[in-house]
Structures are given as C-alpha cells and as structure tokens.
Amino acid sequence: MTKTAMITGGSEGIGRAFAIRLAKEGYTLTLVARNENKLKAVTSQLGSQHRYLVADLSTSEGQTATVQALSNSHFNLLVNNAGVATLGSFTDVGYEAQLQMFHLNCEALVKLAYTFLKNSKPGDALINTSSALAFMPTPNMALYCATKAFVSSLSDSLWFEQKSRGVYVMGLCPGITETNFQVNAGGKKEDLPKNLSQTPETVVDVAVRELKARAKPTVLTGFKNSMFAGMSRVLSRKKVVSVTAGMMPPSP
C-alpha cells in the first residue's frame, strides 16, 4: 500500500531534505510552499507521482487551500515544517513582519495539525518542526523563540493525547542548520557558528529514525543541541537569557 505525506515548506532546506528522504522511503508526496519554481524543481527531481501545492501559509487563503487538500485526501504523514524567523529587537522589527511570522509558525501549524489529526488513522504520524530555541528564550529573536516554545509544548501534549489512537506526534527540534533560514530572517550565513551547525540531511536522518521508533515526543537533533537546550533546566531564566543574548550576532 502506498504511503502518502504532505510536507510544508517543502521547497528548500529541511523540507526539501525531508522530501528527498521520504521519497526514497516509498512515500508519495505533496509539497507545499509559496515559490512555484522551487516546488517544480524538487518534484521534477523526485518523479512524476509527486505533487505540489502553491500556498503562502502566512495568509488565510494559503491556509484554507492547504486545509482543503488535507481534508480531500488521507495522508499517512504530515510534516508541519514551514516556518520563518525575524532578527532584531522586538520593537525594532516591523510589526507586520512579526505578525506574519506568528501566523505561519503558529496559526497555520495549528490549523493543519487539527485537520490532519481529525482525519488520521492508526499508524499515521505528525511531525511539527520546532527548534532547540524553543527551550532557550533569545533576545533579538524573542517572538520566534516564543512561537517555537508554543510548537514544542503543543506537540508534547498531542503526543500523549494521540498515542492511544496509534497516531504518533513528534516535536522535531533542530538547532542551527545549513539552510537559507538565517538569510531569510535578515542575517548572514557567515554569522552561523560552524561548530554547532548541522546539514538538513542530518536533521532528517534523526527525524526519520525517531519516526520509525515512535517513542519520543520531543526529538533534539544531536548531542550538542541536547546539551544546549539542557541549559534551560540547570540555569536560572536570567542566566539563560544572558547566555543566549551573548551568542547572538549584532542586530541587522
């Protein structure tokens, strides 16, 4: 029986790496992103059986179209991966840009997760892409970290609620990853600490391994990220914020 998966943010970065890996695992894919040229490039690489949906999930129109696609077909796996960040002090970054991020990182994720889980069957799975920064509030990325804390908390609760149904929910928490994420947020690639960076393929390798195990609600990708996130359990909140503030590059 063919397995099906929807991947949001599937045109580049971690989403693209998920697409390549899941296609090899035998899934038929529907990729969602707002850039049609990038979506065409990925799906043409993967094969004609895979589809794409052009949708901007920061908008109500894009959310509605994607919810409709989830409602019209049964998917065995949803990778709720689309997300963005903004760099800069909370009051210096434009309000509309931050609100758009909130709509994408939280509102769209909730709508898609709800639709998927209402239609899910035993054996199905949901992966919500969060971040190691979900556990580390970080000045100059204040709202982004808050959105990811929301995603991680939600995912943990959904994991418990759904496990009796045989549906697995994962909160995937990568750390710094070698994608265009930093540039899209307004930063520079050279600001990324190379000793802490992972490739998208490494992140996806961990995610797929844990998807098969179906054991953990929260999956941190790599020992360094686990240690980094673990600081929040041993340091005071004041100290945590001071540490993360010192690690941030200058505001754009």
Protein backbone atom coordinates (compact mmCIF):
# COMPACT_ATOMS: atom_id res chain seq x y z
CA MET A 1 0.00 0.00 0.00
CA THR A 2 1.36 3.42 -0.97
CA LYS A 3 2.23 5.75 1.88
CA THR A 4 1.42 9.42 1.44
CA ALA A 5 2.93 12.50 3.07
CA MET A 6 2.41 16.24 2.96
CA ILE A 7 5.43 18.44 3.68
CA THR A 8 5.01 22.17 4.21
CA GLY A 9 8.00 24.35 3.48
CA GLY A 10 8.96 21.55 1.13
CA SER A 11 10.81 23.56 -1.50
CA GLU A 12 14.13 24.10 0.30
CA GLY A 13 16.16 23.46 3.43
CA ILE A 14 14.89 20.87 5.90
CA GLY A 15 11.63 20.48 3.98
CA ARG A 16 13.45 19.64 0.76
CA ALA A 17 15.67 17.17 2.61
CA PHE A 18 12.52 15.55 4.04
CA ALA A 19 11.09 15.29 0.53
CA ILE A 20 14.15 13.55 -0.89
CA ARG A 21 14.42 11.15 2.04
CA LEU A 22 10.72 10.28 2.28
CA ALA A 23 10.52 9.67 -1.47
CA LYS A 24 13.32 7.12 -1.02
CA GLU A 25 11.33 5.62 1.87
CA GLY A 26 8.44 4.98 -0.53
CA TYR A 27 6.14 7.90 0.23
CA THR A 28 4.14 9.68 -2.44
CA LEU A 29 4.48 13.36 -1.61
CA THR A 30 2.54 16.59 -1.74
CA LEU A 31 4.89 19.50 -1.20
CA VAL A 32 3.57 22.88 -0.05
CA ALA A 33 5.39 26.20 -0.37
CA ARG A 34 4.83 29.64 -1.85
CA ASN A 35 7.54 29.52 -4.56
CA GLU A 36 6.27 27.52 -7.52
CA ASN A 37 9.58 27.43 -9.37
CA LYS A 38 11.33 25.84 -6.40
CA LEU A 39 8.47 23.38 -5.91
CA LYS A 40 8.64 22.37 -9.58
CA ALA A 41 12.38 21.82 -9.32
CA VAL A 42 12.04 19.50 -6.32
CA THR A 43 9.09 17.49 -7.61
CA SER A 44 10.64 17.06 -11.06
CA GLN A 45 13.74 15.68 -9.36
CA LEU A 46 11.67 13.23 -7.34
CA GLY A 47 9.37 11.90 -10.08
CA SER A 48 6.00 12.40 -11.72
CA GLN A 49 4.00 10.67 -8.97
CA HIS A 50 4.71 13.53 -6.57
CA ARG A 51 2.62 16.70 -6.46
CA TYR A 52 2.90 20.20 -5.16
CA LEU A 53 0.59 22.93 -3.89
CA VAL A 54 1.48 26.60 -4.14
CA ALA A 55 0.31 28.25 -0.92
CA ASP A 56 1.55 31.01 1.36
CA LEU A 57 0.74 29.64 4.80
CA SER A 58 1.13 33.03 6.44
CA THR A 59 -2.13 34.03 4.73
CA SER A 60 -5.67 32.86 5.36
CA GLU A 61 -6.00 31.95 1.66
CA GLY A 62 -2.93 29.73 1.76
CA GLN A 63 -4.04 28.09 4.99
CA THR A 64 -7.53 27.41 3.62
CA ALA A 65 -6.16 25.84 0.43
CA THR A 66 -3.84 23.55 2.37
CA VAL A 67 -6.50 22.57 4.90
CA GLN A 68 -8.73 21.69 1.95
CA ALA A 69 -6.03 19.49 0.45
CA LEU A 70 -5.62 17.70 3.79
CA SER A 71 -9.38 17.23 4.01
CA ASN A 72 -9.80 15.91 0.48
CA SER A 73 -7.18 13.15 0.73
CA HIS A 74 -5.91 10.93 3.50
CA PHE A 75 -2.23 11.37 4.35
CA ASN A 76 -0.22 8.94 6.45
CA LEU A 77 2.23 11.64 7.46
CA LEU A 78 2.15 15.41 7.82
CA VAL A 79 5.44 17.24 8.20
CA ASN A 80 4.41 20.65 9.53
CA ASN A 81 7.72 22.23 8.62
CA ALA A 82 7.07 25.70 7.19
CA GLY A 83 8.43 28.49 9.36
CA VAL A 84 10.34 31.75 9.36
CA ALA A 85 12.18 33.97 11.82
CA THR A 86 12.92 37.66 12.22
CA LEU A 87 16.17 39.02 13.63
CA GLY A 88 16.24 42.18 15.69
CA SER A 89 14.85 43.76 18.81
CA PHE A 90 11.11 43.15 19.27
CA THR A 91 10.28 46.84 18.91
CA ASP A 92 12.68 47.43 16.02
CA VAL A 93 11.40 44.69 13.74
CA GLY A 94 8.26 45.69 11.85
CA TYR A 95 5.00 44.67 13.50
CA GLU A 96 3.54 43.25 10.27
CA ALA A 97 6.59 41.07 9.66
CA GLN A 98 6.34 39.63 13.15
CA LEU A 99 2.60 39.09 12.86
CA GLN A 100 3.16 37.28 9.55
CA MET A 101 5.70 35.04 11.29
CA PHE A 102 3.21 34.31 14.06
CA HIS A 103 0.52 33.36 11.53
CA LEU A 104 2.91 30.98 9.77
CA ASN A 105 4.71 29.44 12.75
CA CYS A 106 1.65 29.02 14.99
CA GLU A 107 -1.71 29.63 13.34
CA ALA A 108 -1.04 27.63 10.17
CA LEU A 109 0.59 24.82 12.12
CA VAL A 110 -2.42 24.53 14.43
CA LYS A 111 -4.93 24.50 11.57
CA LEU A 112 -3.05 21.83 9.65
CA ALA A 113 -2.34 19.69 12.73
CA TYR A 114 -6.00 19.82 13.73
CA THR A 115 -7.24 18.86 10.27
CA PHE A 116 -4.70 16.07 9.95
CA LEU A 117 -5.37 14.56 13.36
CA LYS A 118 -9.15 14.69 12.93
CA ASN A 119 -8.72 12.53 9.81
CA SER A 120 -5.80 10.38 10.96
CA LYS A 121 -5.84 6.61 11.37
CA PRO A 122 -3.75 4.20 13.47
CA GLY A 123 -0.20 4.18 12.16
CA ASP A 124 -0.29 7.77 10.92
CA ALA A 125 2.17 10.39 12.19
CA LEU A 126 2.56 14.13 12.57
CA ILE A 127 5.91 15.90 12.73
CA ASN A 128 5.87 19.52 13.90
CA THR A 129 9.18 21.27 13.26
CA SER A 130 10.09 23.29 16.32
CA SER A 131 13.62 24.36 17.32
CA ALA A 132 16.22 23.91 20.03
CA LEU A 133 15.50 27.58 20.74
CA ALA A 134 12.08 26.51 22.00
CA PHE A 135 13.88 25.91 25.30
CA MET A 136 16.13 28.96 25.14
CA PRO A 137 14.46 32.41 25.02
CA THR A 138 16.77 34.57 22.95
CA PRO A 139 16.90 38.37 22.76
CA ASN A 140 16.69 39.65 19.18
CA MET A 141 14.69 36.54 18.29
CA ALA A 142 12.10 36.96 21.01
CA LEU A 143 8.90 36.19 19.14
CA TYR A 144 10.47 33.42 17.04
CA CYS A 145 11.59 31.57 20.17
CA ALA A 146 8.15 32.08 21.70
CA THR A 147 6.47 30.56 18.63
CA LYS A 148 8.73 27.53 18.85
CA ALA A 149 8.10 27.14 22.59
CA PHE A 150 4.42 27.05 21.65
CA VAL A 151 5.03 24.39 18.99
CA SER A 152 7.03 22.19 21.36
CA SER A 153 4.50 22.43 24.18
CA LEU A 154 1.63 21.67 21.82
CA SER A 155 3.47 18.72 20.26
CA ASP A 156 4.25 17.13 23.63
CA SER A 157 0.59 17.28 24.65
CA LEU A 158 -0.60 15.97 21.29
CA TRP A 159 1.86 13.08 21.54
CA PHE A 160 0.18 11.96 24.75
CA GLU A 161 -3.36 12.57 23.52
CA GLN A 162 -2.89 10.67 20.26
CA LYS A 163 -0.77 7.70 21.30
CA SER A 164 -3.78 5.68 22.48
CA ARG A 165 -5.15 6.00 18.92
CA GLY A 166 -1.91 4.66 17.46
CA VAL A 167 -1.08 8.05 15.96
CA TYR A 168 2.43 9.34 16.63
CA VAL A 169 3.23 13.04 17.14
CA MET A 170 6.80 14.35 17.16
CA GLY A 171 8.11 17.78 18.04
CA LEU A 172 11.30 17.99 15.97
CA CYS A 173 13.86 20.40 17.42
CA PRO A 174 16.83 21.06 15.15
CA GLY A 175 19.50 23.53 16.10
CA ILE A 176 21.50 25.68 13.70
CA THR A 177 21.07 24.17 10.24
CA GLU A 178 22.89 24.95 7.00
CA THR A 179 19.97 26.43 5.07
CA ASN A 180 18.83 29.86 3.89
CA PHE A 181 16.90 30.28 7.14
CA GLN A 182 19.39 32.79 8.60
CA VAL A 183 19.48 34.86 5.43
CA ASN A 184 15.69 34.84 5.09
CA ALA A 185 15.47 36.11 8.68
CA GLY A 186 17.67 39.08 7.81
CA GLY A 187 21.02 37.72 8.98
CA LYS A 188 24.18 36.48 7.27
CA LYS A 189 25.33 32.92 6.66
CA GLU A 190 28.79 33.76 7.96
CA ASP A 191 27.26 34.54 11.36
CA LEU A 192 26.40 30.87 11.85
CA PRO A 193 28.80 29.06 14.22
CA LYS A 194 30.13 26.22 12.09
CA ASN A 195 30.93 24.03 15.08
CA LEU A 196 27.23 23.96 16.02
CA SER A 197 25.76 23.65 12.51
CA GLN A 198 24.12 20.58 11.02
CA THR A 199 23.11 19.78 7.47
CA PRO A 200 19.41 19.42 6.65
CA GLU A 201 20.13 15.80 5.76
CA THR A 202 21.48 15.13 9.25
CA VAL A 203 18.35 16.64 10.80
CA VAL A 204 16.12 14.50 8.60
CA ASP A 205 18.15 11.34 9.29
CA VAL A 206 17.46 11.78 13.01
CA ALA A 207 13.79 12.58 12.40
CA VAL A 208 13.20 9.51 10.21
CA ARG A 209 14.97 7.24 12.68
CA GLU A 210 12.78 8.52 15.52
CA LEU A 211 9.69 8.35 13.31
CA LYS A 212 10.28 4.64 12.89
CA ALA A 213 10.87 4.18 16.63
CA ARG A 214 7.73 6.21 17.52
CA ALA A 215 8.86 6.65 21.12
CA LYS A 216 9.81 10.25 21.90
CA PRO A 217 7.53 13.28 21.91
CA THR A 218 10.48 15.66 21.58
CA VAL A 219 13.41 14.95 19.25
CA LEU A 220 16.51 17.13 19.53
CA THR A 221 18.86 16.56 16.62
CA GLY A 222 22.29 15.86 18.02
CA PHE A 223 24.18 15.82 21.31
CA LYS A 224 25.26 19.45 21.12
CA ASN A 225 21.70 20.63 20.65
CA SER A 226 20.54 18.47 23.53
CA MET A 227 23.23 19.96 25.75
CA PHE A 228 22.37 23.46 24.59
CA ALA A 229 18.67 23.00 25.30
CA GLY A 230 19.52 21.34 28.60
CA MET A 231 20.94 24.61 29.91
CA SER A 232 17.39 25.77 30.48
CA ARG A 233 16.95 23.04 33.09
CA VAL A 234 20.04 23.84 35.14
CA LEU A 235 20.43 27.61 34.82
CA SER A 236 18.16 30.36 36.06
CA ARG A 237 16.00 32.10 33.47
CA LYS A 238 18.04 35.24 33.99
CA LYS A 239 21.25 33.37 33.22
CA VAL A 240 19.76 31.57 30.21
CA VAL A 241 18.71 34.84 28.58
CA SER A 242 22.11 36.38 29.32
CA VAL A 243 23.88 33.41 27.70
CA THR A 244 21.72 33.39 24.57
CA ALA A 245 22.00 37.17 24.22
CA GLY A 246 25.78 36.83 24.14
CA MET A 247 25.60 34.26 21.35
CA MET A 248 23.53 36.39 19.01
CA PRO A 249 25.11 38.30 16.09
CA PRO A 250 24.58 42.07 16.01
CA SER A 251 21.08 43.16 15.07
CA PRO A 252 20.61 43.83 11.34
